[in-house]
N, C-alpha and C. Protein backbone atom coordinates (compact mmCIF):
# COMPACT_ATOMS: atom_id res chain seq x y z
N UNK A 1 0.82 -1.20 0.00
CA UNK A 1 0.00 0.00 0.00
C UNK A 1 0.87 1.26 0.00
N UNK A 2 1.93 1.26 0.84
CA UNK A 2 2.84 2.41 0.87
C UNK A 2 3.49 2.61 -0.49
N UNK A 3 3.84 1.51 -1.12
CA UNK A 3 4.49 1.59 -2.43
C UNK A 3 3.55 2.20 -3.47
N UNK A 4 2.27 1.81 -3.43
CA UNK A 4 1.28 2.35 -4.34
C UNK A 4 1.07 3.83 -4.10
N UNK A 5 1.01 4.25 -2.83
CA UNK A 5 0.85 5.66 -2.49
C UNK A 5 2.05 6.46 -2.98
N UNK A 6 3.26 5.93 -2.76
CA UNK A 6 4.47 6.61 -3.19
C UNK A 6 4.49 6.76 -4.71
N UNK A 7 4.11 5.70 -5.44
CA UNK A 7 4.05 5.74 -6.89
C UNK A 7 3.03 6.76 -7.35
N UNK A 8 1.90 6.81 -6.68
CA UNK A 8 0.86 7.78 -7.01
C UNK A 8 1.38 9.21 -6.85
N UNK A 9 2.08 9.49 -5.75
CA UNK A 9 2.64 10.82 -5.53
C UNK A 9 3.71 11.15 -6.56
N UNK A 10 4.54 10.17 -6.89
CA UNK A 10 5.60 10.38 -7.88
C UNK A 10 5.00 10.75 -9.23
N UNK A 11 3.88 10.15 -9.60
CA UNK A 11 3.24 10.45 -10.87
C UNK A 11 2.42 11.74 -10.82
N UNK A 12 1.79 12.03 -9.69
CA UNK A 12 0.90 13.18 -9.58
C UNK A 12 1.65 14.50 -9.53
N UNK A 13 2.71 14.59 -8.76
CA UNK A 13 3.42 15.86 -8.59
C UNK A 13 3.99 16.37 -9.91
N UNK A 14 4.72 15.55 -10.72
CA UNK A 14 5.19 16.09 -11.99
C UNK A 14 4.07 16.51 -12.93
N UNK A 15 2.96 15.77 -12.92
CA UNK A 15 1.84 16.17 -13.79
C UNK A 15 1.28 17.51 -13.36
N UNK A 16 1.13 17.72 -12.07
CA UNK A 16 0.61 19.00 -11.57
C UNK A 16 1.54 20.13 -11.96
N UNK A 17 2.84 19.92 -11.83
CA UNK A 17 3.79 20.96 -12.18
C UNK A 17 3.85 21.18 -13.68
N UNK A 18 3.78 20.12 -14.47
CA UNK A 18 3.84 20.24 -15.93
C UNK A 18 2.66 21.01 -16.48
N UNK A 19 1.49 20.86 -15.88
CA UNK A 19 0.32 21.56 -16.37
C UNK A 19 0.11 22.89 -15.67
N UNK A 20 1.06 23.35 -14.86
CA UNK A 20 1.00 24.67 -14.27
C UNK A 20 -0.07 24.83 -13.21
N UNK A 21 -0.47 23.76 -12.60
CA UNK A 21 -1.53 23.85 -11.62
C UNK A 21 -1.09 24.71 -10.44
N UNK A 22 0.18 24.63 -10.09
CA UNK A 22 0.64 25.43 -8.97
C UNK A 22 1.92 26.18 -9.36
N UNK A 23 1.75 27.27 -10.07
CA UNK A 23 2.88 28.13 -10.41
C UNK A 23 2.93 29.27 -9.42
N UNK A 24 1.79 29.91 -9.18
CA UNK A 24 1.72 31.05 -8.25
C UNK A 24 1.25 30.55 -6.90
N UNK A 25 2.01 30.90 -5.89
CA UNK A 25 1.70 30.52 -4.52
C UNK A 25 0.69 31.49 -3.94
N UNK A 26 -0.39 30.97 -3.38
CA UNK A 26 -1.41 31.77 -2.71
C UNK A 26 -2.03 32.82 -3.64
N UNK A 27 -2.85 33.66 -3.09
CA UNK A 27 -3.50 34.74 -3.82
C UNK A 27 -2.56 35.94 -3.85
N UNK A 28 -2.40 36.59 -5.01
CA UNK A 28 -1.57 37.80 -5.04
C UNK A 28 -2.15 38.86 -4.09
N UNK A 29 -1.32 39.79 -3.67
CA UNK A 29 -1.77 40.89 -2.81
C UNK A 29 -1.64 42.19 -3.58
N UNK A 30 -2.45 43.18 -3.20
CA UNK A 30 -2.40 44.49 -3.84
C UNK A 30 -2.75 45.56 -2.82
N UNK A 31 -2.09 46.71 -2.95
CA UNK A 31 -2.40 47.86 -2.10
C UNK A 31 -2.07 49.15 -2.85
N UNK A 32 -2.73 50.22 -2.46
CA UNK A 32 -2.49 51.53 -3.05
C UNK A 32 -1.40 52.23 -2.25
N UNK A 33 -0.42 52.81 -2.95
CA UNK A 33 0.61 53.58 -2.25
C UNK A 33 0.43 55.08 -2.47
N UNK A 34 -0.72 55.49 -2.99
CA UNK A 34 -1.01 56.91 -3.21
C UNK A 34 -0.70 57.38 -4.62
N UNK A 35 0.28 56.76 -5.27
CA UNK A 35 0.60 57.14 -6.64
C UNK A 35 0.36 56.00 -7.61
N UNK A 36 0.16 54.82 -7.11
CA UNK A 36 -0.09 53.66 -7.95
C UNK A 36 -0.59 52.51 -7.10
N UNK A 37 -0.75 51.37 -7.74
CA UNK A 37 -1.18 50.18 -7.02
C UNK A 37 -0.07 49.15 -7.14
N UNK A 38 0.34 48.62 -6.00
CA UNK A 38 1.42 47.65 -5.93
C UNK A 38 0.82 46.25 -5.86
N UNK A 39 1.17 45.43 -6.83
CA UNK A 39 0.69 44.05 -6.92
C UNK A 39 1.89 43.14 -6.66
N UNK A 40 1.73 42.19 -5.72
CA UNK A 40 2.82 41.28 -5.36
C UNK A 40 2.35 39.83 -5.43
N UNK A 41 3.26 38.95 -5.83
CA UNK A 41 2.96 37.52 -5.83
C UNK A 41 4.26 36.74 -5.72
N UNK A 42 4.11 35.48 -5.33
CA UNK A 42 5.24 34.55 -5.20
C UNK A 42 4.94 33.31 -6.03
N UNK A 43 6.00 32.72 -6.54
CA UNK A 43 5.83 31.49 -7.32
C UNK A 43 6.32 30.27 -6.53
N UNK A 44 5.78 29.13 -6.91
CA UNK A 44 6.24 27.87 -6.35
C UNK A 44 7.35 27.33 -7.25
N UNK A 45 7.05 27.26 -8.54
CA UNK A 45 8.02 26.82 -9.54
C UNK A 45 7.70 27.52 -10.85
N UNK A 46 8.72 27.69 -11.70
CA UNK A 46 8.51 28.43 -12.95
C UNK A 46 8.99 27.66 -14.17
N UNK A 47 9.07 26.37 -14.08
CA UNK A 47 9.52 25.56 -15.20
C UNK A 47 8.55 25.72 -16.37
N UNK A 48 9.06 26.21 -17.51
CA UNK A 48 8.24 26.38 -18.70
C UNK A 48 7.43 27.66 -18.73
N UNK A 49 7.57 28.53 -17.73
CA UNK A 49 6.82 29.79 -17.69
C UNK A 49 7.59 30.87 -18.45
N UNK A 50 6.92 31.54 -19.40
CA UNK A 50 7.55 32.61 -20.17
C UNK A 50 7.31 33.96 -19.50
N UNK A 51 6.04 34.29 -19.24
CA UNK A 51 5.69 35.59 -18.67
C UNK A 51 4.48 35.48 -17.75
N UNK A 52 4.28 36.54 -17.00
CA UNK A 52 3.08 36.72 -16.20
C UNK A 52 2.35 37.93 -16.77
N UNK A 53 1.13 37.73 -17.22
CA UNK A 53 0.34 38.83 -17.79
C UNK A 53 -0.51 39.44 -16.67
N UNK A 54 -0.43 40.76 -16.54
CA UNK A 54 -1.19 41.47 -15.53
C UNK A 54 -2.52 41.90 -16.15
N UNK A 55 -3.62 41.53 -15.52
CA UNK A 55 -4.97 41.87 -15.99
C UNK A 55 -5.62 42.80 -14.97
N UNK A 56 -6.37 43.79 -15.46
CA UNK A 56 -7.02 44.74 -14.55
C UNK A 56 -8.41 45.07 -15.05
N UNK A 57 -9.31 45.37 -14.11
CA UNK A 57 -10.60 45.95 -14.46
C UNK A 57 -10.94 46.99 -13.41
N UNK A 58 -11.71 47.99 -13.84
CA UNK A 58 -12.19 49.02 -12.94
C UNK A 58 -13.50 48.54 -12.36
N UNK A 59 -13.63 48.60 -11.03
CA UNK A 59 -14.83 48.11 -10.38
C UNK A 59 -14.77 46.60 -10.20
N UNK A 60 -15.93 46.02 -9.95
CA UNK A 60 -15.98 44.59 -9.68
C UNK A 60 -16.74 43.79 -10.73
N UNK A 61 -17.11 44.45 -11.82
CA UNK A 61 -17.81 43.75 -12.90
C UNK A 61 -17.21 44.14 -14.24
N UNK A 62 -17.41 43.29 -15.21
CA UNK A 62 -16.90 43.55 -16.55
C UNK A 62 -15.67 42.70 -16.84
N UNK A 63 -15.13 42.89 -18.02
CA UNK A 63 -13.99 42.11 -18.48
C UNK A 63 -12.68 42.65 -17.92
N UNK A 64 -11.75 41.74 -17.71
CA UNK A 64 -10.39 42.13 -17.35
C UNK A 64 -9.63 42.46 -18.63
N UNK A 65 -8.78 43.48 -18.57
CA UNK A 65 -7.99 43.92 -19.70
C UNK A 65 -6.51 43.70 -19.41
N UNK A 66 -5.77 43.12 -20.34
CA UNK A 66 -4.32 43.00 -20.14
C UNK A 66 -3.68 44.39 -20.13
N UNK A 67 -2.84 44.65 -19.13
CA UNK A 67 -2.19 45.97 -19.06
C UNK A 67 -0.68 45.89 -19.19
N UNK A 68 -0.08 44.72 -18.90
CA UNK A 68 1.37 44.60 -18.99
C UNK A 68 1.77 43.14 -18.84
N UNK A 69 3.02 42.85 -19.15
CA UNK A 69 3.58 41.52 -18.92
C UNK A 69 4.87 41.66 -18.12
N UNK A 70 5.12 40.66 -17.28
CA UNK A 70 6.34 40.61 -16.48
C UNK A 70 7.07 39.33 -16.87
N UNK A 71 8.32 39.43 -17.32
CA UNK A 71 9.06 38.22 -17.69
C UNK A 71 9.30 37.33 -16.48
N UNK A 72 9.22 36.03 -16.69
CA UNK A 72 9.50 35.07 -15.61
C UNK A 72 11.00 35.01 -15.37
N UNK A 73 11.36 34.82 -14.12
CA UNK A 73 12.79 34.70 -13.76
C UNK A 73 13.29 33.28 -13.96
N UNK A 74 12.35 32.34 -14.08
CA UNK A 74 12.66 30.92 -14.30
C UNK A 74 13.40 30.30 -13.12
N UNK A 75 13.07 30.76 -11.93
CA UNK A 75 13.61 30.14 -10.73
C UNK A 75 12.46 29.89 -9.76
N UNK A 76 12.61 28.90 -8.94
CA UNK A 76 11.55 28.54 -8.01
C UNK A 76 11.53 29.49 -6.82
N UNK A 77 10.35 29.62 -6.22
CA UNK A 77 10.16 30.45 -5.02
C UNK A 77 10.60 31.90 -5.22
N UNK A 78 10.23 32.49 -6.35
CA UNK A 78 10.57 33.88 -6.64
C UNK A 78 9.47 34.81 -6.14
N UNK A 79 9.86 36.01 -5.80
CA UNK A 79 8.90 37.06 -5.41
C UNK A 79 8.87 38.11 -6.51
N UNK A 80 7.66 38.57 -6.83
CA UNK A 80 7.48 39.58 -7.87
C UNK A 80 6.70 40.76 -7.30
N UNK A 81 6.97 41.93 -7.86
CA UNK A 81 6.21 43.13 -7.51
C UNK A 81 6.01 43.94 -8.79
N UNK A 82 4.79 44.33 -9.03
CA UNK A 82 4.46 45.14 -10.20
C UNK A 82 3.72 46.37 -9.70
N UNK A 83 4.11 47.55 -10.17
CA UNK A 83 3.43 48.78 -9.77
C UNK A 83 2.65 49.32 -10.96
N UNK A 84 1.35 49.41 -10.80
CA UNK A 84 0.46 49.96 -11.84
C UNK A 84 0.43 51.47 -11.65
N UNK A 85 1.22 52.16 -12.45
CA UNK A 85 1.30 53.63 -12.36
C UNK A 85 0.27 54.31 -13.25
N UNK A 86 -0.44 53.52 -14.06
CA UNK A 86 -1.45 54.09 -14.95
C UNK A 86 -2.63 54.67 -14.18
N UNK A 87 -2.82 54.25 -12.95
CA UNK A 87 -3.97 54.72 -12.17
C UNK A 87 -3.65 56.00 -11.40
N UNK A 88 -2.43 56.53 -11.52
CA UNK A 88 -2.04 57.68 -10.72
C UNK A 88 -2.79 58.95 -11.09
N UNK A 89 -3.22 59.08 -12.34
CA UNK A 89 -3.95 60.28 -12.75
C UNK A 89 -5.43 60.22 -12.40
N UNK A 90 -5.90 59.06 -12.02
CA UNK A 90 -7.31 58.88 -11.67
C UNK A 90 -7.48 59.26 -10.20
N UNK A 91 -8.59 59.91 -9.89
CA UNK A 91 -8.79 60.36 -8.51
C UNK A 91 -8.96 59.20 -7.54
N UNK A 92 -9.41 58.09 -8.01
CA UNK A 92 -9.54 56.93 -7.14
C UNK A 92 -10.60 55.98 -7.63
N UNK A 93 -10.76 54.91 -6.89
CA UNK A 93 -11.77 53.92 -7.25
C UNK A 93 -11.37 52.54 -6.81
N UNK A 94 -12.20 51.58 -7.18
CA UNK A 94 -11.96 50.18 -6.88
C UNK A 94 -11.40 49.52 -8.14
N UNK A 95 -10.34 48.76 -7.97
CA UNK A 95 -9.72 48.02 -9.07
C UNK A 95 -9.58 46.56 -8.66
N UNK A 96 -9.64 45.69 -9.66
CA UNK A 96 -9.39 44.28 -9.44
C UNK A 96 -8.29 43.84 -10.40
N UNK A 97 -7.44 42.95 -9.90
CA UNK A 97 -6.31 42.45 -10.68
C UNK A 97 -6.31 40.93 -10.69
N UNK A 98 -5.80 40.39 -11.78
CA UNK A 98 -5.54 38.96 -11.91
C UNK A 98 -4.17 38.81 -12.55
N UNK A 99 -3.56 37.68 -12.32
CA UNK A 99 -2.29 37.35 -12.98
C UNK A 99 -2.52 36.08 -13.78
N UNK A 100 -2.15 36.14 -15.04
CA UNK A 100 -2.30 34.97 -15.91
C UNK A 100 -0.91 34.50 -16.33
N UNK A 101 -0.65 33.22 -16.12
CA UNK A 101 0.63 32.63 -16.47
C UNK A 101 0.60 32.25 -17.95
N UNK A 102 1.64 32.67 -18.68
CA UNK A 102 1.78 32.30 -20.08
C UNK A 102 3.02 31.42 -20.21
N UNK A 103 2.81 30.23 -20.74
CA UNK A 103 3.88 29.24 -20.85
C UNK A 103 4.74 29.52 -22.09
N UNK A 104 5.88 28.84 -22.18
CA UNK A 104 6.80 29.03 -23.31
C UNK A 104 6.14 28.83 -24.66
N UNK A 105 5.23 27.88 -24.77
CA UNK A 105 4.56 27.60 -26.04
C UNK A 105 3.40 28.53 -26.34
N UNK A 106 3.14 29.52 -25.47
CA UNK A 106 2.04 30.46 -25.68
C UNK A 106 0.76 30.07 -24.97
N UNK A 107 0.73 28.87 -24.36
CA UNK A 107 -0.47 28.44 -23.64
C UNK A 107 -0.71 29.34 -22.44
N UNK A 108 -1.97 29.77 -22.31
CA UNK A 108 -2.34 30.63 -21.18
C UNK A 108 -3.06 29.78 -20.14
N UNK A 109 -2.54 29.80 -18.92
CA UNK A 109 -3.18 29.08 -17.83
C UNK A 109 -4.30 29.95 -17.26
N UNK A 110 -5.19 29.35 -16.51
CA UNK A 110 -6.30 30.09 -15.90
C UNK A 110 -5.75 31.19 -15.01
N UNK A 111 -6.33 32.39 -15.08
CA UNK A 111 -5.85 33.49 -14.23
C UNK A 111 -6.12 33.20 -12.75
N UNK A 112 -5.36 33.89 -11.92
CA UNK A 112 -5.58 33.79 -10.48
C UNK A 112 -6.94 34.37 -10.14
N UNK A 113 -7.48 34.04 -8.99
CA UNK A 113 -8.70 34.73 -8.55
C UNK A 113 -8.41 36.24 -8.43
N UNK A 114 -9.45 37.03 -8.59
CA UNK A 114 -9.28 38.49 -8.56
C UNK A 114 -8.92 38.97 -7.16
N UNK A 115 -8.01 39.93 -7.11
CA UNK A 115 -7.67 40.60 -5.86
C UNK A 115 -8.16 42.05 -6.00
N UNK A 116 -8.87 42.54 -4.99
CA UNK A 116 -9.51 43.85 -5.03
C UNK A 116 -8.72 44.85 -4.21
N UNK A 117 -8.59 46.07 -4.73
CA UNK A 117 -7.91 47.14 -4.00
C UNK A 117 -8.64 48.45 -4.22
N UNK A 118 -8.74 49.24 -3.18
CA UNK A 118 -9.31 50.58 -3.25
C UNK A 118 -8.16 51.56 -3.39
N UNK A 119 -8.23 52.40 -4.40
CA UNK A 119 -7.13 53.33 -4.68
C UNK A 119 -7.60 54.76 -4.52
N UNK A 120 -6.86 55.54 -3.75
CA UNK A 120 -7.11 56.97 -3.60
C UNK A 120 -5.82 57.66 -3.98
N UNK A 121 -5.82 58.29 -5.14
CA UNK A 121 -4.61 58.91 -5.67
C UNK A 121 -4.26 60.17 -4.90
N UNK A 122 -2.98 60.41 -4.76
CA UNK A 122 -2.49 61.61 -4.10
C UNK A 122 -2.73 62.83 -4.98
N UNK A 123 -3.41 63.85 -4.45
CA UNK A 123 -3.69 65.07 -5.20
C UNK A 123 -2.39 65.76 -5.59
N UNK A 124 -1.42 65.80 -4.70
CA UNK A 124 -0.14 66.44 -5.00
C UNK A 124 0.55 65.73 -6.16
N UNK A 125 0.50 64.42 -6.16
CA UNK A 125 1.12 63.65 -7.24
C UNK A 125 0.45 63.91 -8.58
N UNK A 126 -0.88 63.98 -8.57
CA UNK A 126 -1.61 64.24 -9.82
C UNK A 126 -1.30 65.64 -10.32
N UNK A 127 -1.24 66.62 -9.41
CA UNK A 127 -0.96 68.00 -9.81
C UNK A 127 0.44 68.10 -10.40
N UNK A 128 1.44 67.52 -9.73
CA UNK A 128 2.80 67.56 -10.23
C UNK A 128 2.90 66.85 -11.57
N UNK A 129 2.20 65.74 -11.71
CA UNK A 129 2.21 65.02 -12.99
C UNK A 129 1.60 65.87 -14.10
N UNK A 130 0.55 66.63 -13.80
CA UNK A 130 -0.08 67.50 -14.79
C UNK A 130 0.85 68.63 -15.19
N UNK A 131 1.58 69.19 -14.24
CA UNK A 131 2.53 70.28 -14.53
C UNK A 131 3.65 69.75 -15.42
N UNK A 132 4.19 68.58 -15.11
CA UNK A 132 5.27 68.01 -15.93
C UNK A 132 4.78 67.73 -17.34
N UNK A 133 3.54 67.28 -17.48
CA UNK A 133 2.98 66.95 -18.79
C UNK A 133 2.88 68.19 -19.68
N UNK A 134 2.65 69.37 -19.07
CA UNK A 134 2.55 70.60 -19.86
C UNK A 134 3.84 70.95 -20.56
N UNK A 135 4.99 70.50 -20.02
CA UNK A 135 6.29 70.87 -20.59
C UNK A 135 6.89 69.77 -21.43
N UNK A 136 6.12 68.75 -21.75
CA UNK A 136 6.64 67.67 -22.59
C UNK A 136 6.43 67.96 -24.04
């Protein structure tokens, strides 16, 4: 019986890893830093992973839109941080993010569950950004 259980585990673990069932560890986290939204996640393993596609939507309904990609480091137990600076000009609101793993062959794995963050942009940051934009 022990031998059968061991064989089952030996066959199951590589299959789970090969099909990307567990690439990202836990649910990603997100928080507003006043000028953008910081999205963080950790990986379990990255064998065959090409990139992580960042998906965002405004509010809690509607379609997610791809906003950027982050190249995979191709090492296990990596930590990632992505800062969404596109929301800095917006006065605020609720945003949801997902991370979708894209494999070397272009296969897209199911996105992570949505993580929700409330963003309140810094007025000083928006004003300074508007002033800089006038001189570009």
